[in-house]
Amino acid sequence: MFTKLSLFSLFASTLAAGLSYDNIDKAATPRAKELLKYVQSQYGSHYISGQQELSSLEWVKENVGSTPAILGTDLMYYSPSAVAHGGKSQTVEQAIQFDKEGGINALVWHWFAPNCLLETEKEPWYKGFYTEGTCFNLANALGYRGNSTGHRGNGTDYRLLIRDIDAIAAQLKRLSDADVPVLFRPLHEPEGGWFWWGAQGPAPFKKLWNILYDRITRVHNIHNIVWVCNTAESKWYPGNDKCDIATVDHYADAGDHGVLADKFHALQNVTKGERVLALAEVGSIPDSQLQAKDNIPWAFWMTWNDEFIKDGKHNSQQFLKNTFNNERVVTVEDKKN
């Protein structure tokens, strides 16, 4: 006997299996189009494995015997505020190399606020992407007042926003010039409010998303990107016309390998079932056997780095081996075959 939930899950899996749509960027490069089509082709039948940070991916390769198909890296230290404090990064070089090895690259950007980092003992500069680490006010920078949706865009803070976007665009251009497609997830977890880009509510956040997209695609003519949104709350969601893949982040209790059916259904409702859904950050990996049994077809999952993959509590080595050996879980080795 089917319960209401099991019928919904079966319906969700059936929809996922046939989901196909074009990139939101109509000028997307052939490889960006190919990347989105590949993720769509796996959606509903396979789960693409991912790991944040190269050293943690290498740990999986050495200790589990398989290479996660997606490498997650961060553009954070290309932020001008980080560069001013001596920040350096090898993210672009790592992405180019992983692409050569047959992997998929996913980029997040922990954007250090353009200015007004507190730089106190409690909130040092390297916490400057957190709301508590900066006095930068996005709503003021964009010219919002109360419930107004107006946008002046002529102040110093606004110009600093553009400066920062241009700095990141320069790095994305390096990847574009190397013909490396990327899953790009900027402005993540906005509804939490713990990052400055979400601290003043959904209207300024959505405006910033649109500015970022327009600046990168139209002004800088960069089109190697599959755009990844990161919220399951409708008032924060940029819209299907602004999003290629919709994701959420979730950190369950250590060792809890539930499939997050409630998160999947919530996100499917927000996207009206018209977007591929994935887990952009997890601590404990969802059980792939339960995913298949319960018909919760997250397209990919990205395990966060260090203790989340290595401590044996969030993901035991036996669980990892079982997961990466599951026929539904895609690794770099599988992509090459």
C-alpha atoms as a PDB file:
ATOM      1  CA  MET A   1       0.000   0.000   0.000  1.00  0.00           C
ATOM      2  CA  PHE A   2       1.403   3.397  -0.990  1.00  0.00           C
ATOM      3  CA  THR A   3       1.370   6.171   1.570  1.00  0.00           C
ATOM      4  CA  LYS A   4       0.919   9.777   0.487  1.00  0.00           C
ATOM      5  CA  LEU A   5       4.628  10.393   1.055  1.00  0.00           C
ATOM      6  CA  SER A   6       5.759   7.338  -0.918  1.00  0.00           C
ATOM      7  CA  LEU A   7       3.509   8.295  -3.820  1.00  0.00           C
ATOM      8  CA  PHE A   8       4.952  11.808  -3.763  1.00  0.00           C
ATOM      9  CA  SER A   9       8.495  10.422  -3.716  1.00  0.00           C
ATOM     10  CA  LEU A  10       7.761   8.062  -6.601  1.00  0.00           C
ATOM     11  CA  PHE A  11       6.292  10.967  -8.543  1.00  0.00           C
ATOM     12  CA  ALA A  12       9.359  13.079  -7.723  1.00  0.00           C
ATOM     13  CA  SER A  13      11.731  10.387  -8.972  1.00  0.00           C
ATOM     14  CA  THR A  14       9.715   9.926 -12.166  1.00  0.00           C
ATOM     15  CA  LEU A  15       9.818  13.662 -12.868  1.00  0.00           C
ATOM     16  CA  ALA A  16      13.550  13.757 -12.175  1.00  0.00           C
ATOM     17  CA  ALA A  17      14.296  10.990 -14.642  1.00  0.00           C
ATOM     18  CA  GLY A  18      12.910  12.975 -17.562  1.00  0.00           C
ATOM     19  CA  LEU A  19      13.975  16.486 -16.560  1.00  0.00           C
ATOM     20  CA  SER A  20      15.705  18.441 -19.321  1.00  0.00           C
ATOM     21  CA  TYR A  21      16.072  22.174 -19.896  1.00  0.00           C
ATOM     22  CA  ASP A  22      18.597  24.605 -21.332  1.00  0.00           C
ATOM     23  CA  ASN A  23      21.110  26.728 -19.438  1.00  0.00           C
ATOM     24  CA  ILE A  24      19.725  30.029 -18.186  1.00  0.00           C
ATOM     25  CA  ASP A  25      22.666  31.709 -19.911  1.00  0.00           C
ATOM     26  CA  LYS A  26      21.704  31.481 -23.571  1.00  0.00           C
ATOM     27  CA  ALA A  27      25.330  32.149 -24.507  1.00  0.00           C
ATOM     28  CA  ALA A  28      26.629  29.256 -22.383  1.00  0.00           C
ATOM     29  CA  THR A  29      29.732  27.593 -23.770  1.00  0.00           C
ATOM     30  CA  PRO A  30      29.435  24.112 -25.289  1.00  0.00           C
ATOM     31  CA  ARG A  31      31.118  22.593 -22.242  1.00  0.00           C
ATOM     32  CA  ALA A  32      28.832  24.455 -19.823  1.00  0.00           C
ATOM     33  CA  LYS A  33      25.867  23.105 -21.758  1.00  0.00           C
ATOM     34  CA  GLU A  34      27.416  19.650 -21.697  1.00  0.00           C
ATOM     35  CA  LEU A  35      27.931  19.839 -17.926  1.00  0.00           C
ATOM     36  CA  LEU A  36      24.303  20.724 -17.229  1.00  0.00           C
ATOM     37  CA  LYS A  37      23.090  18.000 -19.589  1.00  0.00           C
ATOM     38  CA  TYR A  38      25.360  15.486 -17.876  1.00  0.00           C
ATOM     39  CA  VAL A  39      23.964  16.300 -14.429  1.00  0.00           C
ATOM     40  CA  GLN A  40      20.443  16.082 -15.850  1.00  0.00           C
ATOM     41  CA  SER A  41      21.237  12.698 -17.408  1.00  0.00           C
ATOM     42  CA  GLN A  42      22.214  11.279 -14.009  1.00  0.00           C
ATOM     43  CA  TYR A  43      19.306  12.846 -12.135  1.00  0.00           C
ATOM     44  CA  GLY A  44      16.821  10.251 -10.981  1.00  0.00           C
ATOM     45  CA  SER A  45      19.110   7.269 -11.478  1.00  0.00           C
ATOM     46  CA  HIS A  46      22.549   8.111 -10.044  1.00  0.00           C
ATOM     47  CA  TYR A  47      24.109  10.283  -7.343  1.00  0.00           C
ATOM     48  CA  ILE A  48      27.229  12.207  -8.300  1.00  0.00           C
ATOM     49  CA  SER A  49      29.742  12.207  -5.451  1.00  0.00           C
ATOM     50  CA  GLY A  50      31.453  15.408  -4.358  1.00  0.00           C
ATOM     51  CA  GLN A  51      34.074  16.514  -1.878  1.00  0.00           C
ATOM     52  CA  GLN A  52      34.991  19.997  -0.684  1.00  0.00           C
ATOM     53  CA  GLU A  53      38.687  20.904  -0.707  1.00  0.00           C
ATOM     54  CA  LEU A  54      41.441  19.161  -2.626  1.00  0.00           C
ATOM     55  CA  SER A  55      43.264  17.752   0.419  1.00  0.00           C
ATOM     56  CA  SER A  56      40.050  16.092   1.611  1.00  0.00           C
ATOM     57  CA  LEU A  57      39.362  14.717  -1.871  1.00  0.00           C
ATOM     58  CA  GLU A  58      42.870  13.250  -1.913  1.00  0.00           C
ATOM     59  CA  TRP A  59      42.153  11.709   1.498  1.00  0.00           C
ATOM     60  CA  VAL A  60      39.075   9.967   0.083  1.00  0.00           C
ATOM     61  CA  LYS A  61      41.060   8.744  -2.894  1.00  0.00           C
ATOM     62  CA  GLU A  62      43.788   7.320  -0.643  1.00  0.00           C
ATOM     63  CA  ASN A  63      41.611   5.865   2.125  1.00  0.00           C
ATOM     64  CA  VAL A  64      38.509   4.780   0.228  1.00  0.00           C
ATOM     65  CA  GLY A  65      39.972   3.937  -3.156  1.00  0.00           C
ATOM     66  CA  SER A  66      37.685   6.138  -5.264  1.00  0.00           C
ATOM     67  CA  THR A  67      37.857   9.748  -6.416  1.00  0.00           C
ATOM     68  CA  PRO A  68      34.764  11.909  -5.858  1.00  0.00           C
ATOM     69  CA  ALA A  69      33.460  13.131  -9.201  1.00  0.00           C
ATOM     70  CA  ILE A  70      33.076  16.744  -8.044  1.00  0.00           C
ATOM     71  CA  LEU A  71      35.807  18.819  -6.429  1.00  0.00           C
ATOM     72  CA  GLY A  72      34.511  21.742  -4.401  1.00  0.00           C
ATOM     73  CA  THR A  73      36.806  24.735  -4.007  1.00  0.00           C
ATOM     74  CA  ASP A  74      36.423  28.307  -2.765  1.00  0.00           C
ATOM     75  CA  LEU A  75      37.066  31.680  -4.393  1.00  0.00           C
ATOM     76  CA  MET A  76      37.206  33.368  -0.986  1.00  0.00           C
ATOM     77  CA  TYR A  77      40.858  34.391  -0.989  1.00  0.00           C
ATOM     78  CA  TYR A  78      40.491  36.167  -4.324  1.00  0.00           C
ATOM     79  CA  SER A  79      38.181  38.645  -2.568  1.00  0.00           C
ATOM     80  CA  PRO A  80      39.931  42.047  -2.506  1.00  0.00           C
ATOM     81  CA  SER A  81      39.503  42.345   1.275  1.00  0.00           C
ATOM     82  CA  ALA A  82      41.291  39.013   1.693  1.00  0.00           C
ATOM     83  CA  VAL A  83      44.018  39.917  -0.802  1.00  0.00           C
ATOM     84  CA  ALA A  84      44.633  43.102   1.195  1.00  0.00           C
ATOM     85  CA  HIS A  85      45.365  40.884   4.208  1.00  0.00           C
ATOM     86  CA  GLY A  86      47.758  38.635   2.284  1.00  0.00           C
ATOM     87  CA  GLY A  87      45.233  36.079   1.079  1.00  0.00           C
ATOM     88  CA  LYS A  88      46.447  33.762  -1.673  1.00  0.00           C
ATOM     89  CA  SER A  89      44.690  30.972  -3.551  1.00  0.00           C
ATOM     90  CA  GLN A  90      45.385  28.076  -5.899  1.00  0.00           C
ATOM     91  CA  THR A  91      41.705  27.442  -6.588  1.00  0.00           C
ATOM     92  CA  VAL A  92      41.884  28.213 -10.310  1.00  0.00           C
ATOM     93  CA  GLU A  93      44.972  26.063 -10.823  1.00  0.00           C
ATOM     94  CA  GLN A  94      43.358  23.193  -8.909  1.00  0.00           C
ATOM     95  CA  ALA A  95      40.188  23.449 -10.973  1.00  0.00           C
ATOM     96  CA  ILE A  96      42.057  23.386 -14.274  1.00  0.00           C
ATOM     97  CA  GLN A  97      44.004  20.312 -13.192  1.00  0.00           C
ATOM     98  CA  PHE A  98      40.927  18.467 -11.900  1.00  0.00           C
ATOM     99  CA  ASP A  99      39.164  19.143 -15.173  1.00  0.00           C
ATOM    100  CA  LYS A 100      42.098  17.548 -16.998  1.00  0.00           C
ATOM    101  CA  GLU A 101      41.686  14.505 -14.747  1.00  0.00           C
ATOM    102  CA  GLY A 102      38.069  14.098 -15.818  1.00  0.00           C
ATOM    103  CA  GLY A 103      36.392  15.645 -12.796  1.00  0.00           C
ATOM    104  CA  ILE A 104      33.704  18.288 -12.317  1.00  0.00           C
ATOM    105  CA  ASN A 105      34.478  21.570 -10.572  1.00  0.00           C
ATOM    106  CA  ALA A 106      32.142  23.304  -8.116  1.00  0.00           C
ATOM    107  CA  LEU A 107      32.999  26.776  -6.839  1.00  0.00           C
ATOM    108  CA  VAL A 108      31.625  28.540  -3.792  1.00  0.00           C
ATOM    109  CA  TRP A 109      32.528  32.097  -2.808  1.00  0.00           C
ATOM    110  CA  HIS A 110      32.797  33.012   0.856  1.00  0.00           C
ATOM    111  CA  TRP A 111      32.832  36.696  -0.069  1.00  0.00           C
ATOM    112  CA  PHE A 112      34.758  38.798   2.426  1.00  0.00           C
ATOM    113  CA  ALA A 113      32.781  42.021   2.805  1.00  0.00           C
ATOM    114  CA  PRO A 114      34.060  44.748   0.475  1.00  0.00           C
ATOM    115  CA  ASN A 115      34.959  46.954   3.443  1.00  0.00           C
ATOM    116  CA  CYS A 116      34.244  47.549   7.125  1.00  0.00           C
ATOM    117  CA  LEU A 117      35.745  44.310   8.423  1.00  0.00           C
ATOM    118  CA  LEU A 118      35.726  44.583  12.210  1.00  0.00           C
ATOM    119  CA  GLU A 119      39.214  43.126  12.670  1.00  0.00           C
ATOM    120  CA  THR A 120      38.836  42.676  16.416  1.00  0.00           C
ATOM    121  CA  GLU A 121      40.169  39.910  18.622  1.00  0.00           C
ATOM    122  CA  LYS A 122      36.716  38.323  18.629  1.00  0.00           C
ATOM    123  CA  GLU A 123      36.048  38.959  14.938  1.00  0.00           C
ATOM    124  CA  PRO A 124      39.398  38.864  13.094  1.00  0.00           C
ATOM    125  CA  TRP A 125      39.595  39.802   9.418  1.00  0.00           C
ATOM    126  CA  TYR A 126      39.312  36.188   8.261  1.00  0.00           C
ATOM    127  CA  LYS A 127      35.750  36.089   9.620  1.00  0.00           C
ATOM    128  CA  GLY A 128      34.831  39.013   7.414  1.00  0.00           C
ATOM    129  CA  PHE A 129      32.282  37.083   5.353  1.00  0.00           C
ATOM    130  CA  TYR A 130      30.128  36.577   8.444  1.00  0.00           C
ATOM    131  CA  THR A 131      27.513  39.150   9.398  1.00  0.00           C
ATOM    132  CA  GLU A 132      29.104  39.388  12.848  1.00  0.00           C
ATOM    133  CA  GLY A 133      32.512  40.079  11.306  1.00  0.00           C
ATOM    134  CA  THR A 134      31.619  43.226   9.367  1.00  0.00           C
ATOM    135  CA  CYS A 135      29.616  46.430   9.561  1.00  0.00           C
ATOM    136  CA  PHE A 136      29.056  46.384   5.789  1.00  0.00           C
ATOM    137  CA  ASN A 137      25.356  46.879   5.047  1.00  0.00           C
ATOM    138  CA  LEU A 138      24.144  45.495   1.723  1.00  0.00           C
ATOM    139  CA  ALA A 139      20.802  47.284   1.812  1.00  0.00           C
ATOM    140  CA  ASN A 140      22.528  50.630   2.243  1.00  0.00           C
ATOM    141  CA  ALA A 141      25.004  49.835  -0.514  1.00  0.00           C
ATOM    142  CA  LEU A 142      22.147  49.094  -2.898  1.00  0.00           C
ATOM    143  CA  GLY A 143      20.129  52.138  -1.830  1.00  0.00           C
ATOM    144  CA  TYR A 144      17.281  50.320  -0.070  1.00  0.00           C
ATOM    145  CA  ARG A 145      15.207  52.198   2.472  1.00  0.00           C
ATOM    146  CA  GLY A 146      12.542  50.369   4.443  1.00  0.00           C
ATOM    147  CA  ASN A 147      10.313  48.470   2.023  1.00  0.00           C
ATOM    148  CA  SER A 148      11.579  50.365  -1.005  1.00  0.00           C
ATOM    149  CA  THR A 149      12.900  48.311  -3.892  1.00  0.00           C
ATOM    150  CA  GLY A 150      14.742  51.295  -5.327  1.00  0.00           C
ATOM    151  CA  HIS A 151      18.386  51.098  -6.235  1.00  0.00           C
ATOM    152  CA  ARG A 152      20.668  54.076  -6.607  1.00  0.00           C
ATOM    153  CA  GLY A 153      23.878  52.219  -7.287  1.00  0.00           C
ATOM    154  CA  ASN A 154      26.083  55.310  -7.089  1.00  0.00           C
ATOM    155  CA  GLY A 155      27.700  55.140  -3.657  1.00  0.00           C
ATOM    156  CA  THR A 156      31.138  54.070  -2.516  1.00  0.00           C
ATOM    157  CA  ASP A 157      29.918  50.759  -1.088  1.00  0.00           C
ATOM    158  CA  TYR A 158      28.111  49.945  -4.319  1.00  0.00           C
ATOM    159  CA  ARG A 159      31.286  50.600  -6.298  1.00  0.00           C
ATOM    160  CA  LEU A 160      33.152  48.296  -3.931  1.00  0.00           C
ATOM    161  CA  LEU A 161      30.605  45.541  -4.584  1.00  0.00           C
ATOM    162  CA  ILE A 162      31.291  45.919  -8.300  1.00  0.00           C
ATOM    163  CA  ARG A 163      35.045  45.954  -7.676  1.00  0.00           C
ATOM    164  CA  ASP A 164      34.793  42.642  -5.846  1.00  0.00           C
ATOM    165  CA  ILE A 165      32.607  41.026  -8.498  1.00  0.00           C
ATOM    166  CA  ASP A 166      35.083  42.148 -11.141  1.00  0.00           C
ATOM    167  CA  ALA A 167      37.933  40.574  -9.158  1.00  0.00           C
ATOM    168  CA  ILE A 168      36.134  37.235  -9.086  1.00  0.00           C
ATOM    169  CA  ALA A 169      35.181  37.597 -12.741  1.00  0.00           C
ATOM    170  CA  ALA A 170      38.892  37.818 -13.535  1.00  0.00           C
ATOM    171  CA  GLN A 171      39.390  34.379 -11.975  1.00  0.00           C
ATOM    172  CA  LEU A 172      36.345  32.922 -13.710  1.00  0.00           C
ATOM    173  CA  LYS A 173      37.756  34.323 -16.960  1.00  0.00           C
ATOM    174  CA  ARG A 174      40.926  32.297 -16.435  1.00  0.00           C
ATOM    175  CA  LEU A 175      38.774  29.178 -16.218  1.00  0.00           C
ATOM    176  CA  SER A 176      36.770  30.253 -19.247  1.00  0.00           C
ATOM    177  CA  ASP A 177      39.957  30.814 -21.242  1.00  0.00           C
ATOM    178  CA  ALA A 178      41.011  27.264 -20.291  1.00  0.00           C
ATOM    179  CA  ASP A 179      37.560  25.993 -21.383  1.00  0.00           C
ATOM    180  CA  VAL A 180      36.809  24.660 -17.902  1.00  0.00           C
ATOM    181  CA  PRO A 181      33.081  24.616 -17.045  1.00  0.00           C
ATOM    182  CA  VAL A 182      32.098  25.134 -13.417  1.00  0.00           C
ATOM    183  CA  LEU A 183      29.155  24.748 -11.081  1.00  0.00           C
ATOM    184  CA  PHE A 184      29.171  28.204  -9.474  1.00  0.00           C
ATOM    185  CA  ARG A 185      27.296  28.701  -6.182  1.00  0.00           C
ATOM    186  CA  PRO A 186      27.661  32.309  -5.037  1.00  0.00           C
ATOM    187  CA  LEU A 187      25.773  34.017  -2.199  1.00  0.00           C
ATOM    188  CA  HIS A 188      24.981  30.723  -0.489  1.00  0.00           C
ATOM    189  CA  GLU A 189      22.772  30.105   2.564  1.00  0.00           C
ATOM    190  CA  PRO A 190      21.271  33.616   2.399  1.00  0.00           C
ATOM    191  CA  GLU A 191      18.217  32.915   4.545  1.00  0.00           C
ATOM    192  CA  GLY A 192      20.388  32.007   7.539  1.00  0.00           C
ATOM    193  CA  GLY A 193      21.460  35.613   7.970  1.00  0.00           C
ATOM    194  CA  TRP A 194      24.907  34.582   9.186  1.00  0.00           C
ATOM    195  CA  PHE A 195      26.540  35.853   5.979  1.00  0.00           C
ATOM    196  CA  TRP A 196      26.398  39.582   5.224  1.00  0.00           C
ATOM    197  CA  TRP A 197      24.699  39.074   1.842  1.00  0.00           C
ATOM    198  CA  GLY A 198      21.639  37.667   3.631  1.00  0.00           C
ATOM    199  CA  ALA A 199      21.629  39.932   6.671  1.00  0.00           C
ATOM    200  CA  GLN A 200      19.183  42.560   5.351  1.00  0.00           C
ATOM    201  CA  GLY A 201      16.532  40.267   3.934  1.00  0.00           C
ATOM    202  CA  PRO A 202      15.606  38.739   0.573  1.00  0.00           C
ATOM    203  CA  ALA A 203      15.115  41.894  -1.521  1.00  0.00           C
ATOM    204  CA  PRO A 204      18.713  43.175  -1.315  1.00  0.00           C
ATOM    205  CA  PHE A 205      19.977  39.605  -1.687  1.00  0.00           C
ATOM    206  CA  LYS A 206      18.012  39.035  -4.893  1.00  0.00           C
ATOM    207  CA  LYS A 207      19.164  42.367  -6.255  1.00  0.00           C
ATOM    208  CA  LEU A 208      22.772  41.431  -5.577  1.00  0.00           C
ATOM    209  CA  TRP A 209      22.243  38.059  -7.262  1.00  0.00           C
ATOM    210  CA  ASN A 210      20.975  39.813 -10.386  1.00  0.00           C
ATOM    211  CA  ILE A 211      23.841  42.308 -10.373  1.00  0.00           C
ATOM    212  CA  LEU A 212      26.366  39.488  -9.981  1.00  0.00           C
ATOM    213  CA  TYR A 213      24.855  37.446 -12.808  1.00  0.00           C
ATOM    214  CA  ASP A 214      24.599  40.438 -15.134  1.00  0.00           C
ATOM    215  CA  ARG A 215      28.109  41.662 -14.398  1.00  0.00           C
ATOM    216  CA  ILE A 216      29.708  38.281 -15.037  1.00  0.00           C
ATOM    217  CA  THR A 217      27.740  37.268 -18.117  1.00  0.00           C
ATOM    218  CA  ARG A 218      26.997  40.560 -19.878  1.00  0.00           C
ATOM    219  CA  VAL A 219      29.820  42.885 -18.832  1.00  0.00           C
ATOM    220  CA  HIS A 220      32.622  40.336 -18.644  1.00  0.00           C
ATOM    221  CA  ASN A 221      31.216  37.985 -21.278  1.00  0.00           C
ATOM    222  CA  ILE A 222      31.886  34.878 -19.187  1.00  0.00           C
ATOM    223  CA  HIS A 223      29.700  31.919 -20.097  1.00  0.00           C
ATOM    224  CA  ASN A 224      31.390  28.765 -18.770  1.00  0.00           C
ATOM    225  CA  ILE A 225      29.132  28.687 -15.706  1.00  0.00           C
ATOM    226  CA  VAL A 226      26.284  26.453 -14.585  1.00  0.00           C
ATOM    227  CA  TRP A 227      24.526  28.682 -12.050  1.00  0.00           C
ATOM    228  CA  VAL A 228      23.703  27.021  -8.725  1.00  0.00           C
ATOM    229  CA  CYS A 229      21.213  28.573  -6.279  1.00  0.00           C
ATOM    230  CA  ASN A 230      21.255  27.648  -2.610  1.00  0.00           C
ATOM    231  CA  THR A 231      18.001  28.075  -0.685  1.00  0.00           C
ATOM    232  CA  ALA A 232      14.757  26.160  -0.169  1.00  0.00           C
ATOM    233  CA  GLU A 233      12.760  29.200   0.933  1.00  0.00           C
ATOM    234  CA  SER A 234      10.596  30.680  -1.795  1.00  0.00           C
ATOM    235  CA  LYS A 235      11.053  34.304  -0.724  1.00  0.00           C
ATOM    236  CA  TRP A 236      14.816  33.926  -1.097  1.00  0.00           C
ATOM    237  CA  TYR A 237      14.812  31.892  -4.303  1.00  0.00           C
ATOM    238  CA  PRO A 238      16.034  33.972  -7.292  1.00  0.00           C
ATOM    239  CA  GLY A 239      13.674  32.126  -9.660  1.00  0.00           C
ATOM    240  CA  ASN A 240      13.982  29.325 -12.180  1.00  0.00           C
ATOM    241  CA  ASP A 241      15.034  31.860 -14.807  1.00  0.00           C
ATOM    242  CA  LYS A 242      18.050  32.730 -12.625  1.00  0.00           C
ATOM    243  CA  CYS A 243      19.022  29.218 -11.587  1.00  0.00           C
ATOM    244  CA  ASP A 244      20.324  26.132 -13.426  1.00  0.00           C
ATOM    245  CA  ILE A 245      20.504  23.816 -10.407  1.00  0.00           C
ATOM    246  CA  ALA A 246      18.755  24.344  -7.063  1.00  0.00           C
ATOM    247  CA  THR A 247      20.472  23.203  -3.882  1.00  0.00           C
ATOM    248  CA  VAL A 248      20.337  23.244  -0.112  1.00  0.00           C
ATOM    249  CA  ASP A 249      22.984  22.719   2.556  1.00  0.00           C
ATOM    250  CA  HIS A 250      22.318  20.487   5.548  1.00  0.00           C
ATOM    251  CA  TYR A 251      24.425  19.256   8.441  1.00  0.00           C
ATOM    252  CA  ALA A 252      22.678  16.403  10.230  1.00  0.00           C
ATOM    253  CA  ASP A 253      23.923  14.880  13.460  1.00  0.00           C
ATOM    254  CA  ALA A 254      27.164  12.965  13.007  1.00  0.00           C
ATOM    255  CA  GLY A 255      26.390   9.549  11.536  1.00  0.00           C
ATOM    256  CA  ASP A 256      22.825  10.434  10.525  1.00  0.00           C
ATOM    257  CA  HIS A 257      22.640   9.262   6.912  1.00  0.00           C
ATOM    258  CA  GLY A 258      18.983  10.069   6.324  1.00  0.00           C
ATOM    259  CA  VAL A 259      18.011  11.077   2.801  1.00  0.00           C
ATOM    260  CA  LEU A 260      16.465  14.452   3.760  1.00  0.00           C
ATOM    261  CA  ALA A 261      13.143  13.798   2.069  1.00  0.00           C
ATOM    262  CA  ASP A 262      11.559  16.876   3.664  1.00  0.00           C
ATOM    263  CA  LYS A 263      14.309  19.097   2.249  1.00  0.00           C
ATOM    264  CA  PHE A 264      13.912  17.533  -1.185  1.00  0.00           C
ATOM    265  CA  HIS A 265      10.155  18.016  -1.269  1.00  0.00           C
ATOM    266  CA  ALA A 266      10.441  21.606  -0.013  1.00  0.00           C
ATOM    267  CA  LEU A 267      12.959  22.469  -2.704  1.00  0.00           C
ATOM    268  CA  GLN A 268      10.946  20.702  -5.363  1.00  0.00           C
ATOM    269  CA  ASN A 269       7.948  22.786  -4.356  1.00  0.00           C
ATOM    270  CA  VAL A 270       9.957  26.027  -4.594  1.00  0.00           C
ATOM    271  CA  THR A 271      11.211  25.138  -8.087  1.00  0.00           C
ATOM    272  CA  LYS A 272       7.849  23.679  -9.208  1.00  0.00           C
ATOM    273  CA  GLY A 273       9.674  20.478 -10.097  1.00  0.00           C
ATOM    274  CA  GLU A 274      11.439  22.252 -12.955  1.00  0.00           C
ATOM    275  CA  ARG A 275      15.032  22.182 -11.714  1.00  0.00           C
ATOM    276  CA  VAL A 276      17.614  19.547 -10.870  1.00  0.00           C
ATOM    277  CA  LEU A 277      17.981  19.371  -7.077  1.00  0.00           C
ATOM    278  CA  ALA A 278      21.186  18.653  -5.190  1.00  0.00           C
ATOM    279  CA  LEU A 279      22.912  18.873  -1.815  1.00  0.00           C
ATOM    280  CA  ALA A 280      25.632  21.502  -2.069  1.00  0.00           C
ATOM    281  CA  GLU A 281      26.978  20.838   1.443  1.00  0.00           C
ATOM    282  CA  VAL A 282      26.531  17.930   3.825  1.00  0.00           C
ATOM    283  CA  GLY A 283      28.326  16.628   6.871  1.00  0.00           C
ATOM    284  CA  SER A 284      27.039  13.038   6.878  1.00  0.00           C
ATOM    285  CA  ILE A 285      26.398  11.678   3.376  1.00  0.00           C
ATOM    286  CA  PRO A 286      22.857  10.451   2.636  1.00  0.00           C
ATOM    287  CA  ASP A 287      22.622   6.666   2.386  1.00  0.00           C
ATOM    288  CA  SER A 288      22.529   5.857  -1.333  1.00  0.00           C
ATOM    289  CA  GLN A 289      20.561   2.654  -0.752  1.00  0.00           C
ATOM    290  CA  LEU A 290      17.915   4.598   1.170  1.00  0.00           C
ATOM    291  CA  GLN A 291      17.867   7.244  -1.547  1.00  0.00           C
ATOM    292  CA  ALA A 292      17.002   4.574  -4.093  1.00  0.00           C
ATOM    293  CA  LYS A 293      14.493   2.874  -1.796  1.00  0.00           C
ATOM    294  CA  ASP A 294      12.710   6.122  -0.880  1.00  0.00           C
ATOM    295  CA  ASN A 295      13.005   7.679  -4.352  1.00  0.00           C
ATOM    296  CA  ILE A 296      14.792  10.825  -3.190  1.00  0.00           C
ATOM    297  CA  PRO A 297      17.048  11.459  -6.188  1.00  0.00           C
ATOM    298  CA  TRP A 298      19.448  14.203  -5.106  1.00  0.00           C
ATOM    299  CA  ALA A 299      21.611  14.731  -8.189  1.00  0.00           C
ATOM    300  CA  PHE A 300      24.806  15.151  -6.190  1.00  0.00           C
ATOM    301  CA  TRP A 301      26.091  15.684  -2.693  1.00  0.00           C
ATOM    302  CA  MET A 302      29.165  17.585  -1.557  1.00  0.00           C
ATOM    303  CA  THR A 303      30.719  16.470   1.714  1.00  0.00           C
ATOM    304  CA  TRP A 304      32.352  19.299   3.611  1.00  0.00           C
ATOM    305  CA  ASN A 305      36.064  19.071   4.305  1.00  0.00           C
ATOM    306  CA  ASP A 306      38.295  17.941   7.150  1.00  0.00           C
ATOM    307  CA  GLU A 307      36.500  16.347  10.123  1.00  0.00           C
ATOM    308  CA  PHE A 308      33.261  15.828   8.217  1.00  0.00           C
ATOM    309  CA  ILE A 309      34.944  13.352   5.899  1.00  0.00           C
ATOM    310  CA  LYS A 310      37.881  12.207   8.041  1.00  0.00           C
ATOM    311  CA  ASP A 311      36.758  11.847  11.666  1.00  0.00           C
ATOM    312  CA  GLY A 312      34.993   8.483  11.301  1.00  0.00           C
ATOM    313  CA  LYS A 313      31.966   9.860  13.152  1.00  0.00           C
ATOM    314  CA  HIS A 314      30.141  11.740  10.435  1.00  0.00           C
ATOM    315  CA  ASN A 315      31.053   9.070   7.875  1.00  0.00           C
ATOM    316  CA  SER A 316      32.739   5.848   8.944  1.00  0.00           C
ATOM    317  CA  GLN A 317      35.289   4.376   6.557  1.00  0.00           C
ATOM    318  CA  GLN A 318      33.089   1.327   6.035  1.00  0.00           C
ATOM    319  CA  PHE A 319      30.140   3.568   5.184  1.00  0.00           C
ATOM    320  CA  LEU A 320      32.323   5.520   2.762  1.00  0.00           C
ATOM    321  CA  LYS A 321      33.522   2.347   1.060  1.00  0.00           C
ATOM    322  CA  ASN A 322      29.965   1.044   0.772  1.00  0.00           C
ATOM    323  CA  THR A 323      28.827   4.389  -0.608  1.00  0.00           C
ATOM    324  CA  PHE A 324      31.553   4.809  -3.195  1.00  0.00           C
ATOM    325  CA  ASN A 325      31.161   1.187  -4.305  1.00  0.00           C
ATOM    326  CA  ASN A 326      27.407   1.580  -4.776  1.00  0.00           C
ATOM    327  CA  GLU A 327      26.508   1.231  -8.444  1.00  0.00           C
ATOM    328  CA  ARG A 328      24.397   4.384  -8.297  1.00  0.00           C
ATOM    329  CA  VAL A 329      27.201   6.593  -6.962  1.00  0.00           C
ATOM    330  CA  VAL A 330      29.277   8.296  -9.654  1.00  0.00           C
ATOM    331  CA  THR A 331      33.033   8.810  -9.202  1.00  0.00           C
ATOM    332  CA  VAL A 332      35.736  10.203 -11.485  1.00  0.00           C
ATOM    333  CA  GLU A 333      36.623   6.638 -12.373  1.00  0.00           C
ATOM    334  CA  ASP A 334      33.019   5.992 -13.444  1.00  0.00           C
ATOM    335  CA  LYS A 335      32.985   9.136 -15.588  1.00  0.00           C
ATOM    336  CA  LYS A 336      36.071   7.950 -17.442  1.00  0.00           C
ATOM    337  CA  ASN A 337      34.498   4.575 -18.266  1.00  0.00           C
END
